[in-house]
Amino acid sequence: MADLYNLSSHYWAGNVISLHAATASGHVFATVPLNFVVGNGVNTWEYILDLAEMLVEPVTDCPGSIETVDGDAVHLAAEPCAGDYVFTHRGK
């Protein structure tokens, strides 16, 4: 089904953080424009993690984590950069 309107990713192409679900399908469940993150004054991976956790079902005793596609955890206090990342629940 075609989109009925342009998504934000259309306007921010190439300058976004794409979060993939850590499942067999690996579907993108969130696309966050990097300029939005930088401009809102909370330019950290912790902010991106908070956004991601609002979009997925919580898992008791398994906190959320964002990793590079190579499996390296991002540092939550660091500034995010554009690219593809994987959201997972640690301990699951």
C-alpha atoms as a PDB file:
ATOM      1  CA  MET A   1       0.000   0.000   0.000  1.00  0.00           C
ATOM      2  CA  ALA A   2       1.410   3.387  -0.973  1.00  0.00           C
ATOM      3  CA  ASP A   3       1.700   6.168   1.578  1.00  0.00           C
ATOM      4  CA  LEU A   4      -1.077   8.731   1.337  1.00  0.00           C
ATOM      5  CA  TYR A   5       1.316  11.484   2.401  1.00  0.00           C
ATOM      6  CA  ASN A   6       5.044  12.000   2.706  1.00  0.00           C
ATOM      7  CA  LEU A   7       6.574  10.645   5.893  1.00  0.00           C
ATOM      8  CA  SER A   8       9.166  12.652   7.809  1.00  0.00           C
ATOM      9  CA  SER A   9      11.848  10.331   6.452  1.00  0.00           C
ATOM     10  CA  HIS A  10      11.037  11.702   2.981  1.00  0.00           C
ATOM     11  CA  TYR A  11      12.165  15.171   4.063  1.00  0.00           C
ATOM     12  CA  TRP A  12      15.175  14.050   6.092  1.00  0.00           C
ATOM     13  CA  ALA A  13      16.482  11.348   3.739  1.00  0.00           C
ATOM     14  CA  GLY A  14      20.068  10.375   4.484  1.00  0.00           C
ATOM     15  CA  ASN A  15      20.124  12.221   7.803  1.00  0.00           C
ATOM     16  CA  VAL A  16      18.070   9.886   9.989  1.00  0.00           C
ATOM     17  CA  ILE A  17      18.455   7.283  12.695  1.00  0.00           C
ATOM     18  CA  SER A  18      16.596   4.130  11.667  1.00  0.00           C
ATOM     19  CA  LEU A  19      15.759   1.675  14.444  1.00  0.00           C
ATOM     20  CA  HIS A  20      15.206  -1.935  13.456  1.00  0.00           C
ATOM     21  CA  ALA A  21      13.438  -4.441  15.668  1.00  0.00           C
ATOM     22  CA  ALA A  22      15.701  -7.250  16.901  1.00  0.00           C
ATOM     23  CA  THR A  23      13.492  -9.934  15.383  1.00  0.00           C
ATOM     24  CA  ALA A  24      13.817 -12.275  12.453  1.00  0.00           C
ATOM     25  CA  SER A  25      12.073  -9.710  10.234  1.00  0.00           C
ATOM     26  CA  GLY A  26      14.285  -6.808  11.342  1.00  0.00           C
ATOM     27  CA  HIS A  27      11.652  -4.285  10.256  1.00  0.00           C
ATOM     28  CA  VAL A  28      12.296  -0.589  10.819  1.00  0.00           C
ATOM     29  CA  PHE A  29       9.869   0.550  13.518  1.00  0.00           C
ATOM     30  CA  ALA A  30      11.142   4.104  13.989  1.00  0.00           C
ATOM     31  CA  THR A  31      12.894   6.697  11.878  1.00  0.00           C
ATOM     32  CA  VAL A  32      14.126   9.730  13.787  1.00  0.00           C
ATOM     33  CA  PRO A  33      15.396  12.811  11.920  1.00  0.00           C
ATOM     34  CA  LEU A  34      18.838  13.654  13.297  1.00  0.00           C
ATOM     35  CA  ASN A  35      18.188  17.399  12.939  1.00  0.00           C
ATOM     36  CA  PHE A  36      15.165  16.994  15.221  1.00  0.00           C
ATOM     37  CA  VAL A  37      17.298  15.335  17.887  1.00  0.00           C
ATOM     38  CA  VAL A  38      20.046  17.939  17.638  1.00  0.00           C
ATOM     39  CA  GLY A  39      17.555  20.825  17.636  1.00  0.00           C
ATOM     40  CA  ASN A  40      15.514  19.713  20.647  1.00  0.00           C
ATOM     41  CA  GLY A  41      18.363  20.173  23.116  1.00  0.00           C
ATOM     42  CA  VAL A  42      18.564  16.508  24.180  1.00  0.00           C
ATOM     43  CA  ASN A  43      21.172  15.273  21.748  1.00  0.00           C
ATOM     44  CA  THR A  44      21.914  11.846  23.268  1.00  0.00           C
ATOM     45  CA  TRP A  45      21.310   8.185  22.578  1.00  0.00           C
ATOM     46  CA  GLU A  46      19.430   8.073  25.863  1.00  0.00           C
ATOM     47  CA  TYR A  47      16.763  10.316  24.308  1.00  0.00           C
ATOM     48  CA  ILE A  48      16.534   8.003  21.267  1.00  0.00           C
ATOM     49  CA  LEU A  49      16.195   5.008  23.609  1.00  0.00           C
ATOM     50  CA  ASP A  50      13.374   6.764  25.492  1.00  0.00           C
ATOM     51  CA  LEU A  51      11.589   7.350  22.171  1.00  0.00           C
ATOM     52  CA  ALA A  52      12.033   3.719  21.135  1.00  0.00           C
ATOM     53  CA  GLU A  53      10.725   2.418  24.449  1.00  0.00           C
ATOM     54  CA  MET A  54       7.511   4.405  23.954  1.00  0.00           C
ATOM     55  CA  LEU A  55       6.915   2.476  20.727  1.00  0.00           C
ATOM     56  CA  VAL A  56       7.404  -1.120  21.863  1.00  0.00           C
ATOM     57  CA  GLU A  57       5.831  -3.401  24.443  1.00  0.00           C
ATOM     58  CA  PRO A  58       7.893  -3.365  27.641  1.00  0.00           C
ATOM     59  CA  VAL A  59       9.481  -6.627  28.763  1.00  0.00           C
ATOM     60  CA  THR A  60       9.691  -7.066  32.540  1.00  0.00           C
ATOM     61  CA  ASP A  61      13.283  -7.098  33.821  1.00  0.00           C
ATOM     62  CA  CYS A  62      14.660  -6.663  30.283  1.00  0.00           C
ATOM     63  CA  PRO A  63      15.652  -3.036  29.675  1.00  0.00           C
ATOM     64  CA  GLY A  64      15.832  -1.718  26.131  1.00  0.00           C
ATOM     65  CA  SER A  65      19.131  -1.338  24.326  1.00  0.00           C
ATOM     66  CA  ILE A  66      20.283   0.220  21.062  1.00  0.00           C
ATOM     67  CA  GLU A  67      23.140  -1.398  19.180  1.00  0.00           C
ATOM     68  CA  THR A  68      24.934  -0.881  15.902  1.00  0.00           C
ATOM     69  CA  VAL A  69      24.158  -3.414  13.196  1.00  0.00           C
ATOM     70  CA  ASP A  70      27.479  -5.047  14.196  1.00  0.00           C
ATOM     71  CA  GLY A  71      26.155  -5.653  17.733  1.00  0.00           C
ATOM     72  CA  ASP A  72      28.061  -2.911  19.584  1.00  0.00           C
ATOM     73  CA  ALA A  73      26.009  -1.057  22.209  1.00  0.00           C
ATOM     74  CA  VAL A  74      25.809   2.718  21.786  1.00  0.00           C
ATOM     75  CA  HIS A  75      26.903   4.901  24.700  1.00  0.00           C
ATOM     76  CA  LEU A  76      23.731   6.530  26.017  1.00  0.00           C
ATOM     77  CA  ALA A  77      25.438   9.827  26.921  1.00  0.00           C
ATOM     78  CA  ALA A  78      27.025  10.174  23.459  1.00  0.00           C
ATOM     79  CA  GLU A  79      25.657  12.200  20.554  1.00  0.00           C
ATOM     80  CA  PRO A  80      23.779  10.001  18.075  1.00  0.00           C
ATOM     81  CA  CYS A  81      24.746   9.857  14.427  1.00  0.00           C
ATOM     82  CA  ALA A  82      22.713   8.922  11.369  1.00  0.00           C
ATOM     83  CA  GLY A  83      22.556   5.278  10.361  1.00  0.00           C
ATOM     84  CA  ASP A  84      20.873   1.949  10.970  1.00  0.00           C
ATOM     85  CA  TYR A  85      20.634   0.604  14.513  1.00  0.00           C
ATOM     86  CA  VAL A  86      18.954  -2.316  16.271  1.00  0.00           C
ATOM     87  CA  PHE A  87      16.662  -2.032  19.291  1.00  0.00           C
ATOM     88  CA  THR A  88      16.547  -5.049  21.569  1.00  0.00           C
ATOM     89  CA  HIS A  89      15.556  -5.990  25.101  1.00  0.00           C
ATOM     90  CA  ARG A  90      18.666  -7.097  27.037  1.00  0.00           C
ATOM     91  CA  GLY A  91      18.267 -10.433  28.751  1.00  0.00           C
ATOM     92  CA  LYS A  92      15.529 -11.639  26.441  1.00  0.00           C
END
